[in-house]
Amino acid sequence: MFQISRDNPAYYLTSVAHKRLPIFQKDEIKKVVADAFNEARVSGIILIFAYVIMPDHTHLLTDDARSMADVLRFMNGISAKRVIDYLKAGGFQSSLAKLRIQERTNKYKHSVYEHHPNAFRVTGEDAFMQKVNYIHLNPVRAGLVEHPDEYLYSSARIWHRRSLENEPLAVDIDKINWRAAA
């Protein structure tokens, strides 16, 4: 069980798409990212408490079983690889061209995420819940839906105990050990 504290923080991670491109606009790509996050969670033994996959960025709230750099490496590394593989397999050359960056000696590679993610520690339950609410309200603030539960690629329904039978990504809210109310 995970209990948030100064010694046992959660990580709040925001990863922005390369050049703020709406890479994750289509549900097919969001599904690829959700599956990749699940793969990263399993292989990295990382708990995911809340998430949202927006058209041009993602938010995750995770545990601290690994360093913040390791969590980012697992989540962003695996999801970026899966997105690039999906685009290559589907022949989405124009999308790949937008993600291409030049390396030394005129070699090219692709970049899904900006290389400076916004990541910080959350050490209290109030701040944790503030981040959960911020994550879940993101699609509403962006005008994509009227209610957080309507957005498919978010953990809002799970937090509201209205899970779909085929949720794109399960979260670990039942592994949180909340402090007893005073």
C-alpha atoms as a PDB file:
ATOM      1  CA  MET A   1       0.000   0.000   0.000  1.00  0.00           C
ATOM      2  CA  PHE A   2       1.151   3.522  -0.784  1.00  0.00           C
ATOM      3  CA  GLN A   3       0.825   6.262   1.815  1.00  0.00           C
ATOM      4  CA  ILE A   4       1.841   9.707   0.704  1.00  0.00           C
ATOM      5  CA  SER A   5       4.226  11.672   2.940  1.00  0.00           C
ATOM      6  CA  ARG A   6       7.360  13.793   2.767  1.00  0.00           C
ATOM      7  CA  ASP A   7       9.428  10.611   2.884  1.00  0.00           C
ATOM      8  CA  ASN A   8       7.131   8.792   0.463  1.00  0.00           C
ATOM      9  CA  PRO A   9       6.011  11.329  -2.168  1.00  0.00           C
ATOM     10  CA  ALA A  10       3.954  10.855  -5.288  1.00  0.00           C
ATOM     11  CA  TYR A  11       5.289  12.158  -8.589  1.00  0.00           C
ATOM     12  CA  TYR A  12       3.274  14.531 -10.731  1.00  0.00           C
ATOM     13  CA  LEU A  13       4.529  14.336 -14.323  1.00  0.00           C
ATOM     14  CA  THR A  14       3.585  16.442 -17.322  1.00  0.00           C
ATOM     15  CA  SER A  15       5.079  15.480 -20.671  1.00  0.00           C
ATOM     16  CA  VAL A  16       4.501  17.824 -23.600  1.00  0.00           C
ATOM     17  CA  ALA A  17       4.509  16.638 -27.199  1.00  0.00           C
ATOM     18  CA  HIS A  18       7.365  17.696 -29.475  1.00  0.00           C
ATOM     19  CA  LYS A  19       6.764  21.308 -30.592  1.00  0.00           C
ATOM     20  CA  ARG A  20       3.398  21.061 -28.832  1.00  0.00           C
ATOM     21  CA  LEU A  21       2.065  19.118 -31.845  1.00  0.00           C
ATOM     22  CA  PRO A  22      -1.314  17.399 -31.314  1.00  0.00           C
ATOM     23  CA  ILE A  23       0.333  13.987 -31.640  1.00  0.00           C
ATOM     24  CA  PHE A  24      -2.222  12.319 -29.353  1.00  0.00           C
ATOM     25  CA  GLN A  25      -5.305  13.789 -31.018  1.00  0.00           C
ATOM     26  CA  LYS A  26      -6.716  10.544 -32.444  1.00  0.00           C
ATOM     27  CA  ASP A  27      -8.060   7.812 -30.178  1.00  0.00           C
ATOM     28  CA  GLU A  28      -5.891   5.208 -31.942  1.00  0.00           C
ATOM     29  CA  ILE A  29      -2.733   7.011 -30.790  1.00  0.00           C
ATOM     30  CA  LYS A  30      -4.162   7.606 -27.313  1.00  0.00           C
ATOM     31  CA  LYS A  31      -4.770   3.854 -27.077  1.00  0.00           C
ATOM     32  CA  VAL A  32      -1.150   3.202 -28.082  1.00  0.00           C
ATOM     33  CA  VAL A  33       0.008   5.585 -25.329  1.00  0.00           C
ATOM     34  CA  ALA A  34      -2.346   4.077 -22.717  1.00  0.00           C
ATOM     35  CA  ASP A  35      -1.109   0.572 -23.578  1.00  0.00           C
ATOM     36  CA  ALA A  36       2.491   1.791 -23.404  1.00  0.00           C
ATOM     37  CA  PHE A  37       1.888   3.373 -19.976  1.00  0.00           C
ATOM     38  CA  ASN A  38       0.492   0.053 -18.792  1.00  0.00           C
ATOM     39  CA  GLU A  39       3.520  -1.765 -20.233  1.00  0.00           C
ATOM     40  CA  ALA A  40       5.830   0.707 -18.466  1.00  0.00           C
ATOM     41  CA  ARG A  41       3.896   0.299 -15.235  1.00  0.00           C
ATOM     42  CA  VAL A  42       4.249  -3.487 -15.335  1.00  0.00           C
ATOM     43  CA  SER A  43       7.878  -3.621 -16.461  1.00  0.00           C
ATOM     44  CA  GLY A  44       8.979  -0.797 -14.163  1.00  0.00           C
ATOM     45  CA  ILE A  45       6.806  -1.868 -11.211  1.00  0.00           C
ATOM     46  CA  ILE A  46       5.314   1.632 -11.045  1.00  0.00           C
ATOM     47  CA  LEU A  47       1.911   2.525  -9.604  1.00  0.00           C
ATOM     48  CA  ILE A  48      -0.238   4.921 -11.643  1.00  0.00           C
ATOM     49  CA  PHE A  49      -2.803   6.788  -9.555  1.00  0.00           C
ATOM     50  CA  ALA A  50      -4.240   9.218 -12.113  1.00  0.00           C
ATOM     51  CA  TYR A  51      -3.682  10.102 -15.759  1.00  0.00           C
ATOM     52  CA  VAL A  52      -4.981  11.947 -18.766  1.00  0.00           C
ATOM     53  CA  ILE A  53      -3.801  11.813 -22.374  1.00  0.00           C
ATOM     54  CA  MET A  54      -4.542  15.156 -24.009  1.00  0.00           C
ATOM     55  CA  PRO A  55      -3.993  15.956 -27.713  1.00  0.00           C
ATOM     56  CA  ASP A  56      -0.570  17.532 -27.065  1.00  0.00           C
ATOM     57  CA  HIS A  57       0.494  16.409 -23.587  1.00  0.00           C
ATOM     58  CA  THR A  58       0.018  13.841 -20.847  1.00  0.00           C
ATOM     59  CA  HIS A  59      -0.293  14.039 -17.075  1.00  0.00           C
ATOM     60  CA  LEU A  60       0.530  11.187 -14.703  1.00  0.00           C
ATOM     61  CA  LEU A  61       0.458  10.842 -10.942  1.00  0.00           C
ATOM     62  CA  THR A  62       2.656   7.941  -9.827  1.00  0.00           C
ATOM     63  CA  ASP A  63       4.362   6.488  -6.774  1.00  0.00           C
ATOM     64  CA  ASP A  64       8.014   6.882  -5.844  1.00  0.00           C
ATOM     65  CA  ALA A  65       9.141   3.236  -5.982  1.00  0.00           C
ATOM     66  CA  ARG A  66      11.741   4.407  -8.531  1.00  0.00           C
ATOM     67  CA  SER A  67      13.513   7.727  -8.994  1.00  0.00           C
ATOM     68  CA  MET A  68      11.604  10.413 -10.848  1.00  0.00           C
ATOM     69  CA  ALA A  69      14.074  10.124 -13.735  1.00  0.00           C
ATOM     70  CA  ASP A  70      13.447   6.367 -13.952  1.00  0.00           C
ATOM     71  CA  VAL A  71       9.667   6.809 -13.967  1.00  0.00           C
ATOM     72  CA  LEU A  72       9.964   9.372 -16.775  1.00  0.00           C
ATOM     73  CA  ARG A  73      12.350   7.107 -18.669  1.00  0.00           C
ATOM     74  CA  PHE A  74       9.935   4.186 -18.448  1.00  0.00           C
ATOM     75  CA  MET A  75       6.755   6.134 -19.224  1.00  0.00           C
ATOM     76  CA  ASN A  76       8.059   8.462 -21.921  1.00  0.00           C
ATOM     77  CA  GLY A  77      10.581   6.036 -23.387  1.00  0.00           C
ATOM     78  CA  ILE A  78       8.172   3.163 -23.894  1.00  0.00           C
ATOM     79  CA  SER A  79       5.275   5.359 -25.037  1.00  0.00           C
ATOM     80  CA  ALA A  80       7.471   7.286 -27.507  1.00  0.00           C
ATOM     81  CA  LYS A  81       8.816   4.036 -28.979  1.00  0.00           C
ATOM     82  CA  ARG A  82       5.300   2.607 -29.356  1.00  0.00           C
ATOM     83  CA  VAL A  83       3.987   5.809 -31.000  1.00  0.00           C
ATOM     84  CA  ILE A  84       6.895   5.925 -33.479  1.00  0.00           C
ATOM     85  CA  ASP A  85       6.450   2.214 -34.245  1.00  0.00           C
ATOM     86  CA  TYR A  86       2.716   2.762 -34.808  1.00  0.00           C
ATOM     87  CA  LEU A  87       3.342   5.684 -37.170  1.00  0.00           C
ATOM     88  CA  LYS A  88       6.000   3.771 -39.107  1.00  0.00           C
ATOM     89  CA  ALA A  89       3.836   0.631 -39.404  1.00  0.00           C
ATOM     90  CA  GLY A  90       0.866   2.702 -40.580  1.00  0.00           C
ATOM     91  CA  GLY A  91       2.895   4.628 -43.154  1.00  0.00           C
ATOM     92  CA  PHE A  92       2.170   8.001 -41.528  1.00  0.00           C
ATOM     93  CA  GLN A  93       5.167   9.666 -43.203  1.00  0.00           C
ATOM     94  CA  SER A  94       3.921  13.253 -42.831  1.00  0.00           C
ATOM     95  CA  SER A  95       3.445  12.738 -39.083  1.00  0.00           C
ATOM     96  CA  LEU A  96       6.890  11.188 -38.766  1.00  0.00           C
ATOM     97  CA  ALA A  97       8.407  14.105 -40.692  1.00  0.00           C
ATOM     98  CA  LYS A  98       6.973  16.543 -38.134  1.00  0.00           C
ATOM     99  CA  LEU A  99       8.611  14.576 -35.329  1.00  0.00           C
ATOM    100  CA  ARG A 100      11.990  14.304 -37.019  1.00  0.00           C
ATOM    101  CA  ILE A 101      14.959  16.010 -35.435  1.00  0.00           C
ATOM    102  CA  GLN A 102      18.473  16.206 -36.788  1.00  0.00           C
ATOM    103  CA  GLU A 103      21.349  14.635 -34.911  1.00  0.00           C
ATOM    104  CA  ARG A 104      25.061  14.955 -35.537  1.00  0.00           C
ATOM    105  CA  THR A 105      26.447  13.791 -38.905  1.00  0.00           C
ATOM    106  CA  ASN A 106      23.104  14.452 -40.629  1.00  0.00           C
ATOM    107  CA  LYS A 107      21.410  11.456 -39.076  1.00  0.00           C
ATOM    108  CA  TYR A 108      17.779  11.827 -38.111  1.00  0.00           C
ATOM    109  CA  LYS A 109      15.659  10.437 -35.332  1.00  0.00           C
ATOM    110  CA  HIS A 110      12.169  11.158 -34.094  1.00  0.00           C
ATOM    111  CA  SER A 111      11.113  12.888 -30.908  1.00  0.00           C
ATOM    112  CA  VAL A 112       7.626  12.432 -29.464  1.00  0.00           C
ATOM    113  CA  TYR A 113       8.169  14.494 -26.298  1.00  0.00           C
ATOM    114  CA  GLU A 114       9.914  17.729 -25.440  1.00  0.00           C
ATOM    115  CA  HIS A 115      13.043  16.902 -23.474  1.00  0.00           C
ATOM    116  CA  HIS A 116      12.204  19.053 -20.461  1.00  0.00           C
ATOM    117  CA  PRO A 117       9.190  17.482 -18.760  1.00  0.00           C
ATOM    118  CA  ASN A 118       7.512  19.172 -15.830  1.00  0.00           C
ATOM    119  CA  ALA A 119       7.973  16.798 -12.900  1.00  0.00           C
ATOM    120  CA  PHE A 120       7.750  17.340  -9.185  1.00  0.00           C
ATOM    121  CA  ARG A 121       7.126  15.640  -5.882  1.00  0.00           C
ATOM    122  CA  VAL A 122       3.749  15.753  -4.122  1.00  0.00           C
ATOM    123  CA  THR A 123       4.081  15.193  -0.375  1.00  0.00           C
ATOM    124  CA  GLY A 124       0.615  15.640   1.111  1.00  0.00           C
ATOM    125  CA  GLU A 125      -2.858  14.245   0.558  1.00  0.00           C
ATOM    126  CA  ASP A 126      -4.397  17.688  -0.099  1.00  0.00           C
ATOM    127  CA  ALA A 127      -1.831  18.463  -2.812  1.00  0.00           C
ATOM    128  CA  PHE A 128      -2.266  14.934  -4.189  1.00  0.00           C
ATOM    129  CA  MET A 129      -6.023  15.411  -4.555  1.00  0.00           C
ATOM    130  CA  GLN A 130      -5.480  18.855  -6.075  1.00  0.00           C
ATOM    131  CA  LYS A 131      -3.345  17.194  -8.791  1.00  0.00           C
ATOM    132  CA  VAL A 132      -5.914  14.405  -9.326  1.00  0.00           C
ATOM    133  CA  ASN A 133      -8.632  17.029  -9.841  1.00  0.00           C
ATOM    134  CA  TYR A 134      -6.401  19.116 -12.116  1.00  0.00           C
ATOM    135  CA  ILE A 135      -5.645  16.043 -14.254  1.00  0.00           C
ATOM    136  CA  HIS A 136      -9.311  15.068 -14.526  1.00  0.00           C
ATOM    137  CA  LEU A 137     -10.535  18.584 -15.332  1.00  0.00           C
ATOM    138  CA  ASN A 138      -7.973  19.070 -18.129  1.00  0.00           C
ATOM    139  CA  PRO A 139     -10.309  17.849 -20.938  1.00  0.00           C
ATOM    140  CA  VAL A 140     -13.137  20.035 -19.579  1.00  0.00           C
ATOM    141  CA  ARG A 141     -10.929  23.151 -19.465  1.00  0.00           C
ATOM    142  CA  ALA A 142      -9.776  22.378 -23.036  1.00  0.00           C
ATOM    143  CA  GLY A 143     -13.411  22.233 -24.200  1.00  0.00           C
ATOM    144  CA  LEU A 144     -13.163  18.588 -25.271  1.00  0.00           C
ATOM    145  CA  VAL A 145     -15.984  17.391 -22.979  1.00  0.00           C
ATOM    146  CA  GLU A 146     -18.471  18.888 -20.537  1.00  0.00           C
ATOM    147  CA  HIS A 147     -17.843  16.401 -17.705  1.00  0.00           C
ATOM    148  CA  PRO A 148     -14.545  14.670 -16.827  1.00  0.00           C
ATOM    149  CA  ASP A 149     -16.147  11.205 -16.973  1.00  0.00           C
ATOM    150  CA  GLU A 150     -16.943  11.732 -20.667  1.00  0.00           C
ATOM    151  CA  TYR A 151     -13.274  11.803 -21.678  1.00  0.00           C
ATOM    152  CA  LEU A 152     -12.196   8.260 -22.526  1.00  0.00           C
ATOM    153  CA  TYR A 153      -8.437   8.609 -21.936  1.00  0.00           C
ATOM    154  CA  SER A 154      -8.558   9.734 -18.332  1.00  0.00           C
ATOM    155  CA  SER A 155      -8.821   8.060 -14.943  1.00  0.00           C
ATOM    156  CA  ALA A 156     -11.753  10.285 -13.876  1.00  0.00           C
ATOM    157  CA  ARG A 157     -14.384   7.529 -14.223  1.00  0.00           C
ATOM    158  CA  ILE A 158     -12.294   5.168 -12.099  1.00  0.00           C
ATOM    159  CA  TRP A 159     -11.967   7.782  -9.352  1.00  0.00           C
ATOM    160  CA  HIS A 160     -15.733   8.383  -9.503  1.00  0.00           C
ATOM    161  CA  ARG A 161     -16.314   4.596  -9.297  1.00  0.00           C
ATOM    162  CA  ARG A 162     -17.947   4.539 -12.748  1.00  0.00           C
ATOM    163  CA  SER A 163     -15.357   2.451 -14.602  1.00  0.00           C
ATOM    164  CA  LEU A 164     -16.056   1.166 -18.062  1.00  0.00           C
ATOM    165  CA  GLU A 165     -15.784  -2.551 -18.657  1.00  0.00           C
ATOM    166  CA  ASN A 166     -12.909  -1.885 -21.053  1.00  0.00           C
ATOM    167  CA  GLU A 167     -11.060   1.047 -19.451  1.00  0.00           C
ATOM    168  CA  PRO A 168      -8.083   2.068 -21.621  1.00  0.00           C
ATOM    169  CA  LEU A 169      -5.777   2.145 -18.580  1.00  0.00           C
ATOM    170  CA  ALA A 170      -6.489   0.913 -15.066  1.00  0.00           C
ATOM    171  CA  VAL A 171      -5.138   2.947 -12.178  1.00  0.00           C
ATOM    172  CA  ASP A 172      -4.014   1.945  -8.714  1.00  0.00           C
ATOM    173  CA  ILE A 173      -6.286   4.024  -6.483  1.00  0.00           C
ATOM    174  CA  ASP A 174      -7.125   0.989  -4.370  1.00  0.00           C
ATOM    175  CA  LYS A 175      -3.435   0.757  -3.434  1.00  0.00           C
ATOM    176  CA  ILE A 176      -3.491   4.119  -1.663  1.00  0.00           C
ATOM    177  CA  ASN A 177      -3.489   4.010   2.131  1.00  0.00           C
ATOM    178  CA  TRP A 178      -5.279   7.212   3.151  1.00  0.00           C
ATOM    179  CA  ARG A 179      -4.698   8.727   6.578  1.00  0.00           C
ATOM    180  CA  ALA A 180      -7.608   8.408   8.970  1.00  0.00           C
ATOM    181  CA  ALA A 181      -9.688  11.572   9.310  1.00  0.00           C
ATOM    182  CA  ALA A 182      -9.032  13.393  12.564  1.00  0.00           C
END
